[in-house]
Amino acid sequence: MDDALGAMIEPFAVALHAVKRAGVISGKRVLVAGGGPIGLLVAMTARTFGAAPVALSDIVAARRETAQKLGADIMIDPSAKTWRSRFVRLPVTALMSSRGFRCATGIAAGI
């Protein structure tokens, strides 16, 4: 096994476990708090399990950009000054529901 692939097994296992703990997420909105390696894997795994839209919140712009490239629908900058400016990319379909996110999953870091 390639070393790089082997190094991804544990973070992917953590992401898969987080998504499975969330229950059935197909067709549900998912919010991932944190865009580090595990958060990005959670977002990708949630998308694979049918979650839509998938939102990712992170204060680091590069992490939000990576999440967007990996398929996240909504990027949220929690450090933005105004509420409206926190949503870096928000699809029209996400605005059509006022119910917010039904399922929130992610790993809190640095607590």
Foldseek 3Di string as FASTA:
>chain_A
DDPVVVVCPVLLVVLVVQLVVQPQQAAFEEEAEDQDPSSLSNQLVSVVSHHPQYEYEDQDPVSQVVSVVSRHQWYANPVDPDPVVRTPHHDPVVVVDPPPGPTYTYDDPDD
